[in-house]
Amino acid sequence: YPGTNTTATAPTLAVPAIGQSSLFVDGGGFPGTDITGDGGIGARYYVVTLGSAATLTLTADWSNTADIDIVVCDDTACTNGDFAAASGNKPESHAYALGAGTWYIALVHWAGTAPVYTTLKIAR
């Protein structure tokens, strides 16, 4: 997806209907600087917008043994990221209770060789 290098140009991902899920596949490295405070090598940023509060389960998986984290932020500077899915697990997954508004999802390349591709599943 083009624009994943910053929160300002992050592509918008569609939020699925209740009881549904969407799967997004992306590749091409991690072109962004990790601004989340996670301390990663690089990052990709995506954005979702919620018209009302919702619980979204985010699951990231990838093509190798790298360490990829999910960090969710409510502002473009990621000053207060949620690190619940920054554990070293593969895949990383967490159910986030989010309020109405705009949310930024960072996939952070924390360690190891960058994977060829990553997947991000959004379940509602």
PDB file of N, CA and C in Angstrom:
ATOM      1  N   TYR A   1       0.851  -1.180   0.000  1.00  0.00           N
ATOM      2  CA  TYR A   1       0.000   0.000   0.000  1.00  0.00           C
ATOM      3  C   TYR A   1       0.897   1.243   0.000  1.00  0.00           C
ATOM      4  N   PRO A   2       0.654   2.166  -0.890  1.00  0.00           N
ATOM      5  CA  PRO A   2       1.444   3.404  -0.881  1.00  0.00           C
ATOM      6  C   PRO A   2       1.087   4.269   0.325  1.00  0.00           C
ATOM      7  N   GLY A   3       2.048   5.038   0.803  1.00  0.00           N
ATOM      8  CA  GLY A   3       1.806   5.985   1.883  1.00  0.00           C
ATOM      9  C   GLY A   3       1.988   5.449   3.275  1.00  0.00           C
ATOM     10  N   THR A   4       2.477   4.224   3.430  1.00  0.00           N
ATOM     11  CA  THR A   4       2.588   3.636   4.769  1.00  0.00           C
ATOM     12  C   THR A   4       3.769   4.176   5.567  1.00  0.00           C
ATOM     13  N   ASN A   5       4.536   5.091   4.989  1.00  0.00           N
ATOM     14  CA  ASN A   5       5.738   5.577   5.681  1.00  0.00           C
ATOM     15  C   ASN A   5       5.446   6.607   6.764  1.00  0.00           C
ATOM     16  N   THR A   6       4.268   7.226   6.787  1.00  0.00           N
ATOM     17  CA  THR A   6       3.909   8.174   7.848  1.00  0.00           C
ATOM     18  C   THR A   6       2.431   8.053   8.189  1.00  0.00           C
ATOM     19  N   THR A   7       2.063   8.536   9.358  1.00  0.00           N
ATOM     20  CA  THR A   7       0.651   8.561   9.721  1.00  0.00           C
ATOM     21  C   THR A   7      -0.107   9.579   8.863  1.00  0.00           C
ATOM     22  N   ALA A   8       0.578  10.623   8.398  1.00  0.00           N
ATOM     23  CA  ALA A   8      -0.072  11.654   7.578  1.00  0.00           C
ATOM     24  C   ALA A   8      -0.526  11.125   6.226  1.00  0.00           C
ATOM     25  N   THR A   9       0.171  10.124   5.694  1.00  0.00           N
ATOM     26  CA  THR A   9      -0.179   9.576   4.376  1.00  0.00           C
ATOM     27  C   THR A   9      -0.662   8.131   4.466  1.00  0.00           C
ATOM     28  N   ALA A  10      -0.916   7.661   5.669  1.00  0.00           N
ATOM     29  CA  ALA A  10      -1.310   6.268   5.881  1.00  0.00           C
ATOM     30  C   ALA A  10      -2.580   5.931   5.106  1.00  0.00           C
ATOM     31  N   PRO A  11      -2.580   4.792   4.423  1.00  0.00           N
ATOM     32  CA  PRO A  11      -3.788   4.391   3.711  1.00  0.00           C
ATOM     33  C   PRO A  11      -4.892   4.002   4.687  1.00  0.00           C
ATOM     34  N   THR A  12      -6.115   4.296   4.292  1.00  0.00           N
ATOM     35  CA  THR A  12      -7.280   3.951   5.105  1.00  0.00           C
ATOM     36  C   THR A  12      -7.703   2.521   4.799  1.00  0.00           C
ATOM     37  N   LEU A  13      -7.849   1.736   5.846  1.00  0.00           N
ATOM     38  CA  LEU A  13      -8.313   0.358   5.709  1.00  0.00           C
ATOM     39  C   LEU A  13      -9.792   0.298   6.072  1.00  0.00           C
ATOM     40  N   ALA A  14     -10.535  -0.485   5.322  1.00  0.00           N
ATOM     41  CA  ALA A  14     -11.969  -0.632   5.577  1.00  0.00           C
ATOM     42  C   ALA A  14     -12.190  -1.459   6.840  1.00  0.00           C
ATOM     43  N   VAL A  15     -13.113  -1.011   7.649  1.00  0.00           N
ATOM     44  CA  VAL A  15     -13.482  -1.734   8.864  1.00  0.00           C
ATOM     45  C   VAL A  15     -14.639  -2.664   8.498  1.00  0.00           C
ATOM     46  N   PRO A  16     -14.519  -3.943   8.791  1.00  0.00           N
ATOM     47  CA  PRO A  16     -15.580  -4.883   8.418  1.00  0.00           C
ATOM     48  C   PRO A  16     -16.843  -4.690   9.255  1.00  0.00           C
ATOM     49  N   ALA A  17     -17.934  -5.243   8.770  1.00  0.00           N
ATOM     50  CA  ALA A  17     -19.194  -5.225   9.506  1.00  0.00           C
ATOM     51  C   ALA A  17     -19.072  -6.115  10.745  1.00  0.00           C
ATOM     52  N   ILE A  18     -19.951  -5.930  11.693  1.00  0.00           N
ATOM     53  CA  ILE A  18     -19.958  -6.738  12.911  1.00  0.00           C
ATOM     54  C   ILE A  18     -20.071  -8.213  12.539  1.00  0.00           C
ATOM     55  N   GLY A  19     -19.210  -9.031  13.128  1.00  0.00           N
ATOM     56  CA  GLY A  19     -19.187 -10.463  12.863  1.00  0.00           C
ATOM     57  C   GLY A  19     -18.370 -10.853  11.642  1.00  0.00           C
ATOM     58  N   GLN A  20     -17.747  -9.880  10.995  1.00  0.00           N
ATOM     59  CA  GLN A  20     -16.966 -10.134   9.782  1.00  0.00           C
ATOM     60  C   GLN A  20     -15.496  -9.803  10.029  1.00  0.00           C
ATOM     61  N   SER A  21     -14.650 -10.127   9.054  1.00  0.00           N
ATOM     62  CA  SER A  21     -13.238  -9.761   9.124  1.00  0.00           C
ATOM     63  C   SER A  21     -12.735  -9.399   7.735  1.00  0.00           C
ATOM     64  N   SER A  22     -11.652  -8.646   7.692  1.00  0.00           N
ATOM     65  CA  SER A  22     -10.987  -8.262   6.452  1.00  0.00           C
ATOM     66  C   SER A  22      -9.512  -8.599   6.601  1.00  0.00           C
ATOM     67  N   LEU A  23      -8.887  -9.029   5.499  1.00  0.00           N
ATOM     68  CA  LEU A  23      -7.476  -9.377   5.511  1.00  0.00           C
ATOM     69  C   LEU A  23      -6.751  -8.509   4.496  1.00  0.00           C
ATOM     70  N   PHE A  24      -5.695  -7.854   4.942  1.00  0.00           N
ATOM     71  CA  PHE A  24      -4.885  -6.981   4.101  1.00  0.00           C
ATOM     72  C   PHE A  24      -3.476  -7.561   4.023  1.00  0.00           C
ATOM     73  N   VAL A  25      -2.909  -7.585   2.831  1.00  0.00           N
ATOM     74  CA  VAL A  25      -1.550  -8.094   2.611  1.00  0.00           C
ATOM     75  C   VAL A  25      -0.714  -6.943   2.076  1.00  0.00           C
ATOM     76  N   ASP A  26       0.473  -6.749   2.651  1.00  0.00           N
ATOM     77  CA  ASP A  26       1.350  -5.659   2.219  1.00  0.00           C
ATOM     78  C   ASP A  26       2.786  -6.146   2.191  1.00  0.00           C
ATOM     79  N   GLY A  27       3.594  -5.536   1.350  1.00  0.00           N
ATOM     80  CA  GLY A  27       5.004  -5.882   1.226  1.00  0.00           C
ATOM     81  C   GLY A  27       5.813  -4.642   0.927  1.00  0.00           C
ATOM     82  N   GLY A  28       7.062  -4.836   0.623  1.00  0.00           N
ATOM     83  CA  GLY A  28       7.890  -3.694   0.248  1.00  0.00           C
ATOM     84  C   GLY A  28       8.657  -3.066   1.379  1.00  0.00           C
ATOM     85  N   GLY A  29       8.896  -3.786   2.435  1.00  0.00           N
ATOM     86  CA  GLY A  29       9.686  -3.243   3.530  1.00  0.00           C
ATOM     87  C   GLY A  29       8.884  -2.414   4.508  1.00  0.00           C
ATOM     88  N   PHE A  30       9.595  -1.759   5.401  1.00  0.00           N
ATOM     89  CA  PHE A  30       9.003  -0.929   6.448  1.00  0.00           C
ATOM     90  C   PHE A  30       9.606   0.459   6.294  1.00  0.00           C
ATOM     91  N   PRO A  31       9.040   1.289   5.391  1.00  0.00           N
ATOM     92  CA  PRO A  31       9.672   2.540   4.990  1.00  0.00           C
ATOM     93  C   PRO A  31       9.611   3.669   6.004  1.00  0.00           C
ATOM     94  N   GLY A  32       8.764   3.545   7.008  1.00  0.00           N
ATOM     95  CA  GLY A  32       8.596   4.638   7.967  1.00  0.00           C
ATOM     96  C   GLY A  32       9.505   4.525   9.166  1.00  0.00           C
ATOM     97  N   THR A  33       9.779   5.657   9.772  1.00  0.00           N
ATOM     98  CA  THR A  33      10.472   5.700  11.053  1.00  0.00           C
ATOM     99  C   THR A  33       9.486   5.275  12.128  1.00  0.00           C
ATOM    100  N   ASP A  34       9.928   4.455  13.067  1.00  0.00           N
ATOM    101  CA  ASP A  34       9.055   4.045  14.168  1.00  0.00           C
ATOM    102  C   ASP A  34       8.893   5.209  15.135  1.00  0.00           C
ATOM    103  N   ILE A  35       7.720   5.843  15.112  1.00  0.00           N
ATOM    104  CA  ILE A  35       7.436   6.984  16.002  1.00  0.00           C
ATOM    105  C   ILE A  35       6.634   6.563  17.226  1.00  0.00           C
ATOM    106  N   THR A  36       6.382   5.255  17.380  1.00  0.00           N
ATOM    107  CA  THR A  36       5.504   4.782  18.446  1.00  0.00           C
ATOM    108  C   THR A  36       6.163   4.703  19.810  1.00  0.00           C
ATOM    109  N   GLY A  37       7.487   4.708  19.848  1.00  0.00           N
ATOM    110  CA  GLY A  37       8.190   4.485  21.108  1.00  0.00           C
ATOM    111  C   GLY A  37       8.517   3.022  21.326  1.00  0.00           C
ATOM    112  N   ASP A  38       8.172   2.170  20.364  1.00  0.00           N
ATOM    113  CA  ASP A  38       8.448   0.740  20.461  1.00  0.00           C
ATOM    114  C   ASP A  38       9.934   0.436  20.272  1.00  0.00           C
ATOM    115  N   GLY A  39      10.650   1.324  19.602  1.00  0.00           N
ATOM    116  CA  GLY A  39      12.079   1.133  19.400  1.00  0.00           C
ATOM    117  C   GLY A  39      12.413   0.277  18.196  1.00  0.00           C
ATOM    118  N   GLY A  40      11.523   0.236  17.221  1.00  0.00           N
ATOM    119  CA  GLY A  40      11.714  -0.617  16.061  1.00  0.00           C
ATOM    120  C   GLY A  40      12.651  -0.063  15.003  1.00  0.00           C
ATOM    121  N   ILE A  41      12.998  -0.939  14.072  1.00  0.00           N
ATOM    122  CA  ILE A  41      13.869  -0.619  12.948  1.00  0.00           C
ATOM    123  C   ILE A  41      13.137   0.249  11.932  1.00  0.00           C
ATOM    124  N   GLY A  42      11.857  -0.010  11.741  1.00  0.00           N
ATOM    125  CA  GLY A  42      11.022   0.722  10.786  1.00  0.00           C
ATOM    126  C   GLY A  42       9.563   0.396  11.047  1.00  0.00           C
ATOM    127  N   ALA A  43       8.674   1.033  10.286  1.00  0.00           N
ATOM    128  CA  ALA A  43       7.246   0.818  10.514  1.00  0.00           C
ATOM    129  C   ALA A  43       6.450   1.061   9.240  1.00  0.00           C
ATOM    130  N   ARG A  44       5.249   0.512   9.247  1.00  0.00           N
ATOM    131  CA  ARG A  44       4.213   0.814   8.255  1.00  0.00           C
ATOM    132  C   ARG A  44       3.013   1.320   9.037  1.00  0.00           C
ATOM    133  N   TYR A  45       2.346   2.344   8.507  1.00  0.00           N
ATOM    134  CA  TYR A  45       1.199   2.944   9.186  1.00  0.00           C
ATOM    135  C   TYR A  45      -0.060   2.809   8.339  1.00  0.00           C
ATOM    136  N   TYR A  46      -1.157   2.543   9.015  1.00  0.00           N
ATOM    137  CA  TYR A  46      -2.475   2.428   8.395  1.00  0.00           C
ATOM    138  C   TYR A  46      -3.448   3.207   9.282  1.00  0.00           C
ATOM    139  N   VAL A  47      -4.608   3.533   8.746  1.00  0.00           N
ATOM    140  CA  VAL A  47      -5.601   4.269   9.516  1.00  0.00           C
ATOM    141  C   VAL A  47      -6.971   3.610   9.352  1.00  0.00           C
ATOM    142  N   VAL A  48      -7.728   3.602  10.442  1.00  0.00           N
ATOM    143  CA  VAL A  48      -9.128   3.184  10.408  1.00  0.00           C
ATOM    144  C   VAL A  48      -9.941   4.280  11.090  1.00  0.00           C
ATOM    145  N   THR A  49     -11.161   4.458  10.607  1.00  0.00           N
ATOM    146  CA  THR A  49     -12.060   5.446  11.202  1.00  0.00           C
ATOM    147  C   THR A  49     -13.333   4.738  11.635  1.00  0.00           C
ATOM    148  N   LEU A  50     -13.716   4.976  12.890  1.00  0.00           N
ATOM    149  CA  LEU A  50     -14.909   4.354  13.455  1.00  0.00           C
ATOM    150  C   LEU A  50     -15.978   5.417  13.703  1.00  0.00           C
ATOM    151  N   GLY A  51     -17.180   5.164  13.214  1.00  0.00           N
ATOM    152  CA  GLY A  51     -18.297   6.065  13.451  1.00  0.00           C
ATOM    153  C   GLY A  51     -18.858   5.932  14.857  1.00  0.00           C
ATOM    154  N   SER A  52     -18.629   4.785  15.483  1.00  0.00           N
ATOM    155  CA  SER A  52     -19.047   4.546  16.865  1.00  0.00           C
ATOM    156  C   SER A  52     -18.046   3.580  17.498  1.00  0.00           C
ATOM    157  N   ALA A  53     -18.100   3.471  18.793  1.00  0.00           N
ATOM    158  CA  ALA A  53     -17.176   2.590  19.509  1.00  0.00           C
ATOM    159  C   ALA A  53     -17.288   1.158  18.995  1.00  0.00           C
ATOM    160  N   ALA A  54     -16.170   0.464  18.969  1.00  0.00           N
ATOM    161  CA  ALA A  54     -16.155  -0.915  18.481  1.00  0.00           C
ATOM    162  C   ALA A  54     -14.947  -1.641  19.059  1.00  0.00           C
ATOM    163  N   THR A  55     -15.058  -2.944  19.151  1.00  0.00           N
ATOM    164  CA  THR A  55     -13.907  -3.770  19.497  1.00  0.00           C
ATOM    165  C   THR A  55     -13.399  -4.399  18.210  1.00  0.00           C
ATOM    166  N   LEU A  56     -12.151  -4.115  17.896  1.00  0.00           N
ATOM    167  CA  LEU A  56     -11.511  -4.674  16.717  1.00  0.00           C
ATOM    168  C   LEU A  56     -10.382  -5.594  17.165  1.00  0.00           C
ATOM    169  N   THR A  57     -10.397  -6.812  16.669  1.00  0.00           N
ATOM    170  CA  THR A  57      -9.285  -7.719  16.915  1.00  0.00           C
ATOM    171  C   THR A  57      -8.335  -7.590  15.738  1.00  0.00           C
ATOM    172  N   LEU A  58      -7.117  -7.149  16.017  1.00  0.00           N
ATOM    173  CA  LEU A  58      -6.081  -6.992  15.003  1.00  0.00           C
ATOM    174  C   LEU A  58      -5.102  -8.145  15.139  1.00  0.00           C
ATOM    175  N   THR A  59      -4.812  -8.794  14.015  1.00  0.00           N
ATOM    176  CA  THR A  59      -3.868  -9.898  13.995  1.00  0.00           C
ATOM    177  C   THR A  59      -2.885  -9.673  12.861  1.00  0.00           C
ATOM    178  N   ALA A  60      -1.608  -9.609  13.194  1.00  0.00           N
ATOM    179  CA  ALA A  60      -0.556  -9.468  12.189  1.00  0.00           C
ATOM    180  C   ALA A  60       0.224 -10.769  12.110  1.00  0.00           C
ATOM    181  N   ASP A  61       0.546 -11.162  10.879  1.00  0.00           N
ATOM    182  CA  ASP A  61       1.414 -12.311  10.655  1.00  0.00           C
ATOM    183  C   ASP A  61       2.354 -11.942   9.512  1.00  0.00           C
ATOM    184  N   TRP A  62       3.433 -12.697   9.338  1.00  0.00           N
ATOM    185  CA  TRP A  62       4.437 -12.332   8.350  1.00  0.00           C
ATOM    186  C   TRP A  62       5.188 -13.564   7.883  1.00  0.00           C
ATOM    187  N   SER A  63       6.001 -13.354   6.843  1.00  0.00           N
ATOM    188  CA  SER A  63       6.567 -14.453   6.073  1.00  0.00           C
ATOM    189  C   SER A  63       7.868 -15.042   6.603  1.00  0.00           C
ATOM    190  N   ASN A  64       8.384 -14.566   7.708  1.00  0.00           N
ATOM    191  CA  ASN A  64       9.651 -15.123   8.221  1.00  0.00           C
ATOM    192  C   ASN A  64       9.666 -15.104   9.748  1.00  0.00           C
ATOM    193  N   THR A  65      10.845 -15.143  10.340  1.00  0.00           N
ATOM    194  CA  THR A  65      10.961 -15.212  11.800  1.00  0.00           C
ATOM    195  C   THR A  65      11.257 -13.858  12.443  1.00  0.00           C
ATOM    196  N   ALA A  66      11.081 -12.770  11.710  1.00  0.00           N
ATOM    197  CA  ALA A  66      11.291 -11.431  12.275  1.00  0.00           C
ATOM    198  C   ALA A  66      10.348 -11.201  13.451  1.00  0.00           C
ATOM    199  N   ASP A  67      10.582 -10.141  14.187  1.00  0.00           N
ATOM    200  CA  ASP A  67       9.688  -9.724  15.267  1.00  0.00           C
ATOM    201  C   ASP A  67       8.941  -8.483  14.783  1.00  0.00           C
ATOM    202  N   ILE A  68       7.649  -8.647  14.575  1.00  0.00           N
ATOM    203  CA  ILE A  68       6.779  -7.552  14.132  1.00  0.00           C
ATOM    204  C   ILE A  68       5.775  -7.278  15.249  1.00  0.00           C
ATOM    205  N   ASP A  69       5.586  -6.019  15.586  1.00  0.00           N
ATOM    206  CA  ASP A  69       4.641  -5.618  16.624  1.00  0.00           C
ATOM    207  C   ASP A  69       3.496  -4.818  16.022  1.00  0.00           C
ATOM    208  N   ILE A  70       2.356  -4.828  16.716  1.00  0.00           N
ATOM    209  CA  ILE A  70       1.235  -3.950  16.389  1.00  0.00           C
ATOM    210  C   ILE A  70       1.158  -2.906  17.491  1.00  0.00           C
ATOM    211  N   VAL A  71       1.101  -1.639  17.095  1.00  0.00           N
ATOM    212  CA  VAL A  71       0.889  -0.555  18.056  1.00  0.00           C
ATOM    213  C   VAL A  71      -0.288   0.267  17.526  1.00  0.00           C
ATOM    214  N   VAL A  72      -1.271   0.546  18.379  1.00  0.00           N
ATOM    215  CA  VAL A  72      -2.446   1.334  17.992  1.00  0.00           C
ATOM    216  C   VAL A  72      -2.393   2.676  18.708  1.00  0.00           C
ATOM    217  N   CYS A  73      -2.590   3.752  17.925  1.00  0.00           N
ATOM    218  CA  CYS A  73      -2.491   5.117  18.455  1.00  0.00           C
ATOM    219  C   CYS A  73      -3.733   5.918  18.084  1.00  0.00           C
ATOM    220  N   ASP A  74      -4.033   6.934  18.868  1.00  0.00           N
ATOM    221  CA  ASP A  74      -5.176   7.793  18.554  1.00  0.00           C
ATOM    222  C   ASP A  74      -4.762   9.171  18.047  1.00  0.00           C
ATOM    223  N   ASP A  75      -3.471   9.373  17.795  1.00  0.00           N
ATOM    224  CA  ASP A  75      -3.013  10.653  17.248  1.00  0.00           C
ATOM    225  C   ASP A  75      -1.890  10.413  16.244  1.00  0.00           C
ATOM    226  N   THR A  76      -1.651  11.387  15.384  1.00  0.00           N
ATOM    227  CA  THR A  76      -0.679  11.217  14.303  1.00  0.00           C
ATOM    228  C   THR A  76       0.762  11.103  14.798  1.00  0.00           C
ATOM    229  N   ALA A  77       1.030  11.538  16.022  1.00  0.00           N
ATOM    230  CA  ALA A  77       2.383  11.433  16.576  1.00  0.00           C
ATOM    231  C   ALA A  77       2.571  10.154  17.391  1.00  0.00           C
ATOM    232  N   CYS A  78       1.517   9.376  17.534  1.00  0.00           N
ATOM    233  CA  CYS A  78       1.546   8.133  18.326  1.00  0.00           C
ATOM    234  C   CYS A  78       2.135   8.374  19.717  1.00  0.00           C
ATOM    235  N   THR A  79       1.665   9.422  20.379  1.00  0.00           N
ATOM    236  CA  THR A  79       2.207   9.770  21.691  1.00  0.00           C
ATOM    237  C   THR A  79       1.728   8.850  22.809  1.00  0.00           C
ATOM    238  N   ASN A  80       0.645   8.122  22.573  1.00  0.00           N
ATOM    239  CA  ASN A  80       0.129   7.246  23.635  1.00  0.00           C
ATOM    240  C   ASN A  80      -0.284   5.897  23.058  1.00  0.00           C
ATOM    241  N   GLY A  81       0.653   5.226  22.416  1.00  0.00           N
ATOM    242  CA  GLY A  81       0.361   3.958  21.757  1.00  0.00           C
ATOM    243  C   GLY A  81      -0.012   2.848  22.719  1.00  0.00           C
ATOM    244  N   ASP A  82      -0.851   1.943  22.223  1.00  0.00           N
ATOM    245  CA  ASP A  82      -1.233   0.743  22.956  1.00  0.00           C
ATOM    246  C   ASP A  82      -0.332  -0.388  22.461  1.00  0.00           C
ATOM    247  N   PHE A  83       0.487  -0.924  23.342  1.00  0.00           N
ATOM    248  CA  PHE A  83       1.490  -1.929  23.008  1.00  0.00           C
ATOM    249  C   PHE A  83       1.052  -3.348  23.368  1.00  0.00           C
ATOM    250  N   ALA A  84      -0.249  -3.600  23.469  1.00  0.00           N
ATOM    251  CA  ALA A  84      -0.746  -4.917  23.880  1.00  0.00           C
ATOM    252  C   ALA A  84      -0.307  -6.032  22.934  1.00  0.00           C
ATOM    253  N   ALA A  85      -0.066  -5.717  21.652  1.00  0.00           N
ATOM    254  CA  ALA A  85       0.369  -6.730  20.679  1.00  0.00           C
ATOM    255  C   ALA A  85       1.809  -6.464  20.244  1.00  0.00           C
ATOM    256  N   ALA A  86       2.640  -6.144  21.225  1.00  0.00           N
ATOM    257  CA  ALA A  86       4.078  -5.940  20.990  1.00  0.00           C
ATOM    258  C   ALA A  86       4.832  -6.877  21.922  1.00  0.00           C
ATOM    259  N   SER A  87       4.618  -8.167  21.707  1.00  0.00           N
ATOM    260  CA  SER A  87       5.073  -9.142  22.689  1.00  0.00           C
ATOM    261  C   SER A  87       6.156 -10.097  22.214  1.00  0.00           C
ATOM    262  N   GLY A  88       6.478 -10.084  20.936  1.00  0.00           N
ATOM    263  CA  GLY A  88       7.407 -11.070  20.412  1.00  0.00           C
ATOM    264  C   GLY A  88       6.716 -12.322  19.913  1.00  0.00           C
ATOM    265  N   ASN A  89       5.384 -12.364  20.004  1.00  0.00           N
ATOM    266  CA  ASN A  89       4.636 -13.515  19.493  1.00  0.00           C
ATOM    267  C   ASN A  89       4.554 -13.472  17.969  1.00  0.00           C
ATOM    268  N   LYS A  90       4.320 -14.624  17.375  1.00  0.00           N
ATOM    269  CA  LYS A  90       4.048 -14.730  15.943  1.00  0.00           C
ATOM    270  C   LYS A  90       2.912 -15.714  15.780  1.00  0.00           C
ATOM    271  N   PRO A  91       1.756 -15.310  15.346  1.00  0.00           N
ATOM    272  CA  PRO A  91       1.382 -13.939  15.006  1.00  0.00           C
ATOM    273  C   PRO A  91       1.149 -13.095  16.261  1.00  0.00           C
ATOM    274  N   GLU A  92       1.068 -11.791  16.064  1.00  0.00           N
ATOM    275  CA  GLU A  92       0.671 -10.864  17.132  1.00  0.00           C
ATOM    276  C   GLU A  92      -0.825 -10.640  16.992  1.00  0.00           C
ATOM    277  N   SER A  93      -1.552 -10.594  18.114  1.00  0.00           N
ATOM    278  CA  SER A  93      -2.993 -10.377  18.056  1.00  0.00           C
ATOM    279  C   SER A  93      -3.489  -9.796  19.371  1.00  0.00           C
ATOM    280  N   HIS A  94      -4.495  -8.934  19.268  1.00  0.00           N
ATOM    281  CA  HIS A  94      -5.128  -8.363  20.457  1.00  0.00           C
ATOM    282  C   HIS A  94      -6.479  -7.787  20.075  1.00  0.00           C
ATOM    283  N   ALA A  95      -7.432  -7.845  20.993  1.00  0.00           N
ATOM    284  CA  ALA A  95      -8.748  -7.221  20.827  1.00  0.00           C
ATOM    285  C   ALA A  95      -8.698  -5.840  21.469  1.00  0.00           C
ATOM    286  N   TYR A  96      -8.863  -4.807  20.641  1.00  0.00           N
ATOM    287  CA  TYR A  96      -8.799  -3.418  21.091  1.00  0.00           C
ATOM    288  C   TYR A  96     -10.206  -2.843  21.189  1.00  0.00           C
ATOM    289  N   ALA A  97     -10.567  -2.322  22.363  1.00  0.00           N
ATOM    290  CA  ALA A  97     -11.830  -1.605  22.543  1.00  0.00           C
ATOM    291  C   ALA A  97     -11.559  -0.142  22.192  1.00  0.00           C
ATOM    292  N   LEU A  98     -12.058   0.301  21.051  1.00  0.00           N
ATOM    293  CA  LEU A  98     -11.754   1.629  20.531  1.00  0.00           C
ATOM    294  C   LEU A  98     -12.995   2.497  20.496  1.00  0.00           C
ATOM    295  N   GLY A  99     -12.828   3.756  20.807  1.00  0.00           N
ATOM    296  CA  GLY A  99     -13.928   4.708  20.727  1.00  0.00           C
ATOM    297  C   GLY A  99     -14.113   5.204  19.305  1.00  0.00           C
ATOM    298  N   ALA A 100     -15.169   5.942  19.092  1.00  0.00           N
ATOM    299  CA  ALA A 100     -15.411   6.545  17.784  1.00  0.00           C
ATOM    300  C   ALA A 100     -14.260   7.489  17.458  1.00  0.00           C
ATOM    301  N   GLY A 101     -13.869   7.528  16.190  1.00  0.00           N
ATOM    302  CA  GLY A 101     -12.815   8.440  15.777  1.00  0.00           C
ATOM    303  C   GLY A 101     -11.800   7.766  14.882  1.00  0.00           C
ATOM    304  N   THR A 102     -10.670   8.427  14.727  1.00  0.00           N
ATOM    305  CA  THR A 102      -9.601   7.965  13.853  1.00  0.00           C
ATOM    306  C   THR A 102      -8.523   7.272  14.677  1.00  0.00           C
ATOM    307  N   TRP A 103      -8.095   6.111  14.204  1.00  0.00           N
ATOM    308  CA  TRP A 103      -7.088   5.301  14.888  1.00  0.00           C
ATOM    309  C   TRP A 103      -5.992   4.938  13.907  1.00  0.00           C
ATOM    310  N   TYR A 104      -4.766   4.986  14.363  1.00  0.00           N
ATOM    311  CA  TYR A 104      -3.601   4.663  13.545  1.00  0.00           C
ATOM    312  C   TYR A 104      -3.044   3.322  13.993  1.00  0.00           C
ATOM    313  N   ILE A 105      -2.811   2.449  13.030  1.00  0.00           N
ATOM    314  CA  ILE A 105      -2.257   1.126  13.301  1.00  0.00           C
ATOM    315  C   ILE A 105      -0.841   1.111  12.753  1.00  0.00           C
ATOM    316  N   ALA A 106       0.108   0.853  13.615  1.00  0.00           N
ATOM    317  CA  ALA A 106       1.503   0.740  13.194  1.00  0.00           C
ATOM    318  C   ALA A 106       1.910  -0.727  13.241  1.00  0.00           C
ATOM    319  N   LEU A 107       2.439  -1.218  12.135  1.00  0.00           N
ATOM    320  CA  LEU A 107       3.128  -2.503  12.135  1.00  0.00           C
ATOM    321  C   LEU A 107       4.602  -2.160  12.222  1.00  0.00           C
ATOM    322  N   VAL A 108       5.202  -2.508  13.334  1.00  0.00           N
ATOM    323  CA  VAL A 108       6.583  -2.124  13.620  1.00  0.00           C
ATOM    324  C   VAL A 108       7.510  -3.312  13.419  1.00  0.00           C
ATOM    325  N   HIS A 109       8.505  -3.119  12.575  1.00  0.00           N
ATOM    326  CA  HIS A 109       9.560  -4.123  12.389  1.00  0.00           C
ATOM    327  C   HIS A 109      10.540  -3.911  13.538  1.00  0.00           C
ATOM    328  N   TRP A 110      10.473  -4.794  14.517  1.00  0.00           N
ATOM    329  CA  TRP A 110      11.250  -4.598  15.739  1.00  0.00           C
ATOM    330  C   TRP A 110      12.618  -5.261  15.664  1.00  0.00           C
ATOM    331  N   ALA A 111      12.699  -6.451  15.059  1.00  0.00           N
ATOM    332  CA  ALA A 111      13.988  -7.151  15.011  1.00  0.00           C
ATOM    333  C   ALA A 111      13.978  -8.194  13.902  1.00  0.00           C
ATOM    334  N   GLY A 112      15.173  -8.582  13.479  1.00  0.00           N
ATOM    335  CA  GLY A 112      15.328  -9.614  12.460  1.00  0.00           C
ATOM    336  C   GLY A 112      15.279  -9.034  11.057  1.00  0.00           C
ATOM    337  N   THR A 113      15.360  -9.913  10.084  1.00  0.00           N
ATOM    338  CA  THR A 113      15.289  -9.518   8.680  1.00  0.00           C
ATOM    339  C   THR A 113      13.850  -9.172   8.319  1.00  0.00           C
ATOM    340  N   ALA A 114      13.660  -8.069   7.623  1.00  0.00           N
ATOM    341  CA  ALA A 114      12.307  -7.658   7.236  1.00  0.00           C
ATOM    342  C   ALA A 114      11.633  -8.748   6.409  1.00  0.00           C
ATOM    343  N   PRO A 115      10.392  -9.075   6.721  1.00  0.00           N
ATOM    344  CA  PRO A 115       9.692 -10.093   5.947  1.00  0.00           C
ATOM    345  C   PRO A 115       9.335  -9.581   4.545  1.00  0.00           C
ATOM    346  N   VAL A 116       9.138 -10.517   3.629  1.00  0.00           N
ATOM    347  CA  VAL A 116       8.736 -10.168   2.268  1.00  0.00           C
ATOM    348  C   VAL A 116       7.329  -9.571   2.272  1.00  0.00           C
ATOM    349  N   TYR A 117       6.465 -10.111   3.112  1.00  0.00           N
ATOM    350  CA  TYR A 117       5.104  -9.570   3.218  1.00  0.00           C
ATOM    351  C   TYR A 117       4.593  -9.716   4.644  1.00  0.00           C
ATOM    352  N   THR A 118       3.579  -8.920   4.954  1.00  0.00           N
ATOM    353  CA  THR A 118       2.856  -9.038   6.216  1.00  0.00           C
ATOM    354  C   THR A 118       1.375  -9.116   5.895  1.00  0.00           C
ATOM    355  N   THR A 119       0.632  -9.717   6.809  1.00  0.00           N
ATOM    356  CA  THR A 119      -0.825  -9.688   6.711  1.00  0.00           C
ATOM    357  C   THR A 119      -1.361  -8.992   7.955  1.00  0.00           C
ATOM    358  N   LEU A 120      -2.450  -8.281   7.778  1.00  0.00           N
ATOM    359  CA  LEU A 120      -3.144  -7.653   8.899  1.00  0.00           C
ATOM    360  C   LEU A 120      -4.613  -8.005   8.759  1.00  0.00           C
ATOM    361  N   LYS A 121      -5.106  -8.746   9.737  1.00  0.00           N
ATOM    362  CA  LYS A 121      -6.517  -9.117   9.768  1.00  0.00           C
ATOM    363  C   LYS A 121      -7.231  -8.232  10.764  1.00  0.00           C
ATOM    364  N   ILE A 122      -8.338  -7.645  10.338  1.00  0.00           N
ATOM    365  CA  ILE A 122      -9.183  -6.845  11.219  1.00  0.00           C
ATOM    366  C   ILE A 122     -10.498  -7.606  11.365  1.00  0.00           C
ATOM    367  N   ALA A 123     -10.826  -8.009  12.581  1.00  0.00           N
ATOM    368  CA  ALA A 123     -12.073  -8.727  12.867  1.00  0.00           C
ATOM    369  C   ALA A 123     -12.902  -7.878  13.805  1.00  0.00           C
ATOM    370  N   ARG A 124     -14.202  -7.896  13.575  1.00  0.00           N
ATOM    371  CA  ARG A 124     -15.103  -7.092  14.398  1.00  0.00           C
ATOM    372  C   ARG A 124     -16.214  -7.965  14.933  1.00  0.00           C
TER     373      ARG A 124
END
